[in-house]
Amino acid sequence: QVQLVESGGGLVQPGGSLRLSCAASGRTFGAYYMNWFRQAPGKERAFVAGVSREGGSTYYAESVKGRFTISRDNAKNTIYLQMNSLKPEDTAVYYCAASTNLVGPTTEVAYWGQGTQVTVSS
């Protein structure tokens, strides 16, 4: 069992930055691929970024490449999403997710966090 708790969301102006964190419970954090998804109002939940178990490989949705950076610290059981050059279309609830297979949009999620709201608006 893995419990995931996101933090760091909030209101930011276009062009601004935010860093999301996701803290995981349990001693098997390093066994999971970790991901960020997001769900905007009226839209389906969508993959944003993923990182391999050791942190050596990352995947990004095209819409965030070059602006967002995913990372993990296995010693702290935590992953991060650094979001720069934010746009209004980045407004969504952001979810942390742990998966046991391939990193990327088709990853099969085993555990979800509760989500944190990110709003990009002037």
C-alpha atoms as a PDB file:
ATOM      1  CA  GLN A   1       0.000   0.000   0.000  1.00  0.00           C
ATOM      2  CA  VAL A   2       1.300   3.443  -0.951  1.00  0.00           C
ATOM      3  CA  GLN A   3      -0.272   6.715   0.103  1.00  0.00           C
ATOM      4  CA  LEU A   4       0.500   9.839  -1.895  1.00  0.00           C
ATOM      5  CA  VAL A   5       0.027  13.406  -0.705  1.00  0.00           C
ATOM      6  CA  GLU A   6       0.492  16.346  -3.065  1.00  0.00           C
ATOM      7  CA  SER A   7       1.293  19.914  -2.073  1.00  0.00           C
ATOM      8  CA  GLY A   8       2.449  23.171  -3.627  1.00  0.00           C
ATOM      9  CA  GLY A   9      -0.542  24.101  -5.741  1.00  0.00           C
ATOM     10  CA  GLY A  10      -1.983  27.593  -5.828  1.00  0.00           C
ATOM     11  CA  LEU A  11      -2.743  30.663  -7.891  1.00  0.00           C
ATOM     12  CA  VAL A  12      -0.020  32.029 -10.158  1.00  0.00           C
ATOM     13  CA  GLN A  13       0.090  34.593 -12.933  1.00  0.00           C
ATOM     14  CA  PRO A  14       0.817  33.597 -16.535  1.00  0.00           C
ATOM     15  CA  GLY A  15       4.552  33.236 -17.026  1.00  0.00           C
ATOM     16  CA  GLY A  16       5.084  32.376 -13.386  1.00  0.00           C
ATOM     17  CA  SER A  17       6.413  29.242 -11.713  1.00  0.00           C
ATOM     18  CA  LEU A  18       5.279  26.698  -9.158  1.00  0.00           C
ATOM     19  CA  ARG A  19       6.823  23.568  -7.716  1.00  0.00           C
ATOM     20  CA  LEU A  20       4.575  20.681  -6.768  1.00  0.00           C
ATOM     21  CA  SER A  21       5.636  17.993  -4.334  1.00  0.00           C
ATOM     22  CA  CYS A  22       4.280  14.529  -3.721  1.00  0.00           C
ATOM     23  CA  ALA A  23       5.246  12.700  -0.553  1.00  0.00           C
ATOM     24  CA  ALA A  24       4.809   8.934  -0.473  1.00  0.00           C
ATOM     25  CA  SER A  25       4.393   6.640   2.495  1.00  0.00           C
ATOM     26  CA  GLY A  26       5.757   3.117   2.651  1.00  0.00           C
ATOM     27  CA  ARG A  27       9.144   1.514   2.258  1.00  0.00           C
ATOM     28  CA  THR A  28       8.697   0.477  -1.379  1.00  0.00           C
ATOM     29  CA  PHE A  29       8.691   3.939  -2.964  1.00  0.00           C
ATOM     30  CA  GLY A  30      11.744   3.115  -5.043  1.00  0.00           C
ATOM     31  CA  ALA A  31       9.943   0.189  -6.660  1.00  0.00           C
ATOM     32  CA  TYR A  32       7.458   2.458  -8.422  1.00  0.00           C
ATOM     33  CA  TYR A  33       7.565   4.592 -11.498  1.00  0.00           C
ATOM     34  CA  MET A  34       6.143   7.970 -10.546  1.00  0.00           C
ATOM     35  CA  ASN A  35       3.989  10.292 -12.582  1.00  0.00           C
ATOM     36  CA  TRP A  36       2.049  13.516 -12.661  1.00  0.00           C
ATOM     37  CA  PHE A  37      -1.356  13.724 -14.318  1.00  0.00           C
ATOM     38  CA  ARG A  38      -3.745  16.645 -14.517  1.00  0.00           C
ATOM     39  CA  GLN A  39      -7.448  17.154 -15.049  1.00  0.00           C
ATOM     40  CA  ALA A  40      -8.868  20.431 -16.276  1.00  0.00           C
ATOM     41  CA  PRO A  41     -12.559  21.272 -15.838  1.00  0.00           C
ATOM     42  CA  GLY A  42     -14.671  19.343 -18.301  1.00  0.00           C
ATOM     43  CA  LYS A  43     -11.732  17.302 -19.583  1.00  0.00           C
ATOM     44  CA  GLU A  44     -10.380  13.836 -18.980  1.00  0.00           C
ATOM     45  CA  ARG A  45      -7.383  13.247 -16.754  1.00  0.00           C
ATOM     46  CA  ALA A  46      -4.213  13.469 -18.833  1.00  0.00           C
ATOM     47  CA  PHE A  47      -0.604  12.380 -18.421  1.00  0.00           C
ATOM     48  CA  VAL A  48       1.847  15.218 -17.769  1.00  0.00           C
ATOM     49  CA  ALA A  49       5.193  13.683 -16.848  1.00  0.00           C
ATOM     50  CA  GLY A  50       6.763  10.488 -15.579  1.00  0.00           C
ATOM     51  CA  VAL A  51      10.072   9.398 -14.067  1.00  0.00           C
ATOM     52  CA  SER A  52      11.684   5.993 -13.844  1.00  0.00           C
ATOM     53  CA  ARG A  53      12.355   4.214 -10.571  1.00  0.00           C
ATOM     54  CA  GLU A  54      15.947   5.415 -10.308  1.00  0.00           C
ATOM     55  CA  GLY A  55      15.189   8.834 -11.757  1.00  0.00           C
ATOM     56  CA  GLY A  56      17.360   8.344 -14.828  1.00  0.00           C
ATOM     57  CA  SER A  57      14.581   8.486 -17.421  1.00  0.00           C
ATOM     58  CA  THR A  58      11.792  10.988 -17.805  1.00  0.00           C
ATOM     59  CA  TYR A  59       8.804  11.390 -20.136  1.00  0.00           C
ATOM     60  CA  TYR A  60       6.752  14.492 -20.830  1.00  0.00           C
ATOM     61  CA  ALA A  61       3.552  15.362 -22.600  1.00  0.00           C
ATOM     62  CA  GLU A  62       4.258  17.521 -25.640  1.00  0.00           C
ATOM     63  CA  SER A  63       2.303  20.384 -24.140  1.00  0.00           C
ATOM     64  CA  VAL A  64       4.729  20.754 -21.208  1.00  0.00           C
ATOM     65  CA  LYS A  65       8.082  19.814 -22.747  1.00  0.00           C
ATOM     66  CA  GLY A  66      10.692  22.453 -22.074  1.00  0.00           C
ATOM     67  CA  ARG A  67       8.588  24.084 -19.347  1.00  0.00           C
ATOM     68  CA  PHE A  68       8.054  21.354 -16.749  1.00  0.00           C
ATOM     69  CA  THR A  69      10.639  19.171 -15.019  1.00  0.00           C
ATOM     70  CA  ILE A  70       9.875  16.026 -13.037  1.00  0.00           C
ATOM     71  CA  SER A  71      12.333  14.699 -10.494  1.00  0.00           C
ATOM     72  CA  ARG A  72      12.415  12.354  -7.522  1.00  0.00           C
ATOM     73  CA  ASP A  73      14.336  11.937  -4.304  1.00  0.00           C
ATOM     74  CA  ASN A  74      14.117   8.308  -3.215  1.00  0.00           C
ATOM     75  CA  ALA A  75      15.791   9.098   0.096  1.00  0.00           C
ATOM     76  CA  LYS A  76      12.885  11.407   0.920  1.00  0.00           C
ATOM     77  CA  ASN A  77      10.137   9.330  -0.758  1.00  0.00           C
ATOM     78  CA  THR A  78       9.189  12.436  -2.694  1.00  0.00           C
ATOM     79  CA  ILE A  79       8.719  13.513  -6.282  1.00  0.00           C
ATOM     80  CA  TYR A  80       8.556  17.021  -7.649  1.00  0.00           C
ATOM     81  CA  LEU A  81       7.158  18.867 -10.625  1.00  0.00           C
ATOM     82  CA  GLN A  82       8.848  22.161 -11.382  1.00  0.00           C
ATOM     83  CA  MET A  83       6.525  24.180 -13.596  1.00  0.00           C
ATOM     84  CA  ASN A  84       7.866  27.254 -15.374  1.00  0.00           C
ATOM     85  CA  SER A  85       6.379  29.624 -17.954  1.00  0.00           C
ATOM     86  CA  LEU A  86       2.911  28.676 -16.825  1.00  0.00           C
ATOM     87  CA  LYS A  87      -0.022  29.309 -19.126  1.00  0.00           C
ATOM     88  CA  PRO A  88      -3.741  29.618 -18.388  1.00  0.00           C
ATOM     89  CA  GLU A  89      -4.263  26.274 -20.133  1.00  0.00           C
ATOM     90  CA  ASP A  90      -2.121  24.640 -17.437  1.00  0.00           C
ATOM     91  CA  THR A  91      -4.948  25.286 -14.971  1.00  0.00           C
ATOM     92  CA  ALA A  92      -6.047  21.928 -13.578  1.00  0.00           C
ATOM     93  CA  VAL A  93      -6.027  19.634 -10.605  1.00  0.00           C
ATOM     94  CA  TYR A  94      -2.646  17.917 -10.581  1.00  0.00           C
ATOM     95  CA  TYR A  95      -2.414  14.329  -9.368  1.00  0.00           C
ATOM     96  CA  CYS A  96       0.578  12.302  -8.300  1.00  0.00           C
ATOM     97  CA  ALA A  97       0.463   8.647  -9.351  1.00  0.00           C
ATOM     98  CA  ALA A  98       2.548   5.551  -8.710  1.00  0.00           C
ATOM     99  CA  SER A  99       2.770   2.877 -11.373  1.00  0.00           C
ATOM    100  CA  THR A 100       4.515  -0.466 -11.824  1.00  0.00           C
ATOM    101  CA  ASN A 101       5.135  -0.559 -15.529  1.00  0.00           C
ATOM    102  CA  LEU A 102       6.356   1.599 -18.368  1.00  0.00           C
ATOM    103  CA  VAL A 103       6.919   5.265 -17.827  1.00  0.00           C
ATOM    104  CA  GLY A 104       4.760   7.311 -20.145  1.00  0.00           C
ATOM    105  CA  PRO A 105       1.136   8.070 -21.034  1.00  0.00           C
ATOM    106  CA  THR A 106       0.153   4.392 -21.128  1.00  0.00           C
ATOM    107  CA  THR A 107       1.429   3.653 -17.656  1.00  0.00           C
ATOM    108  CA  GLU A 108      -0.910   1.635 -15.462  1.00  0.00           C
ATOM    109  CA  VAL A 109      -1.477   3.514 -12.257  1.00  0.00           C
ATOM    110  CA  ALA A 110      -1.587   1.551  -9.021  1.00  0.00           C
ATOM    111  CA  TYR A 111      -2.039   4.455  -6.603  1.00  0.00           C
ATOM    112  CA  TRP A 112      -3.332   8.028  -6.898  1.00  0.00           C
ATOM    113  CA  GLY A 113      -2.930  11.052  -4.706  1.00  0.00           C
ATOM    114  CA  GLN A 114      -5.853  13.310  -3.834  1.00  0.00           C
ATOM    115  CA  GLY A 115      -4.765  16.132  -6.128  1.00  0.00           C
ATOM    116  CA  THR A 116      -3.725  19.746  -5.762  1.00  0.00           C
ATOM    117  CA  GLN A 117      -5.261  22.685  -7.613  1.00  0.00           C
ATOM    118  CA  VAL A 118      -3.116  24.838  -9.892  1.00  0.00           C
ATOM    119  CA  THR A 119      -4.711  27.982 -11.271  1.00  0.00           C
ATOM    120  CA  VAL A 120      -2.919  30.186 -13.791  1.00  0.00           C
ATOM    121  CA  SER A 121      -4.662  33.510 -14.116  1.00  0.00           C
ATOM    122  CA  SER A 122      -3.988  37.224 -14.093  1.00  0.00           C
END
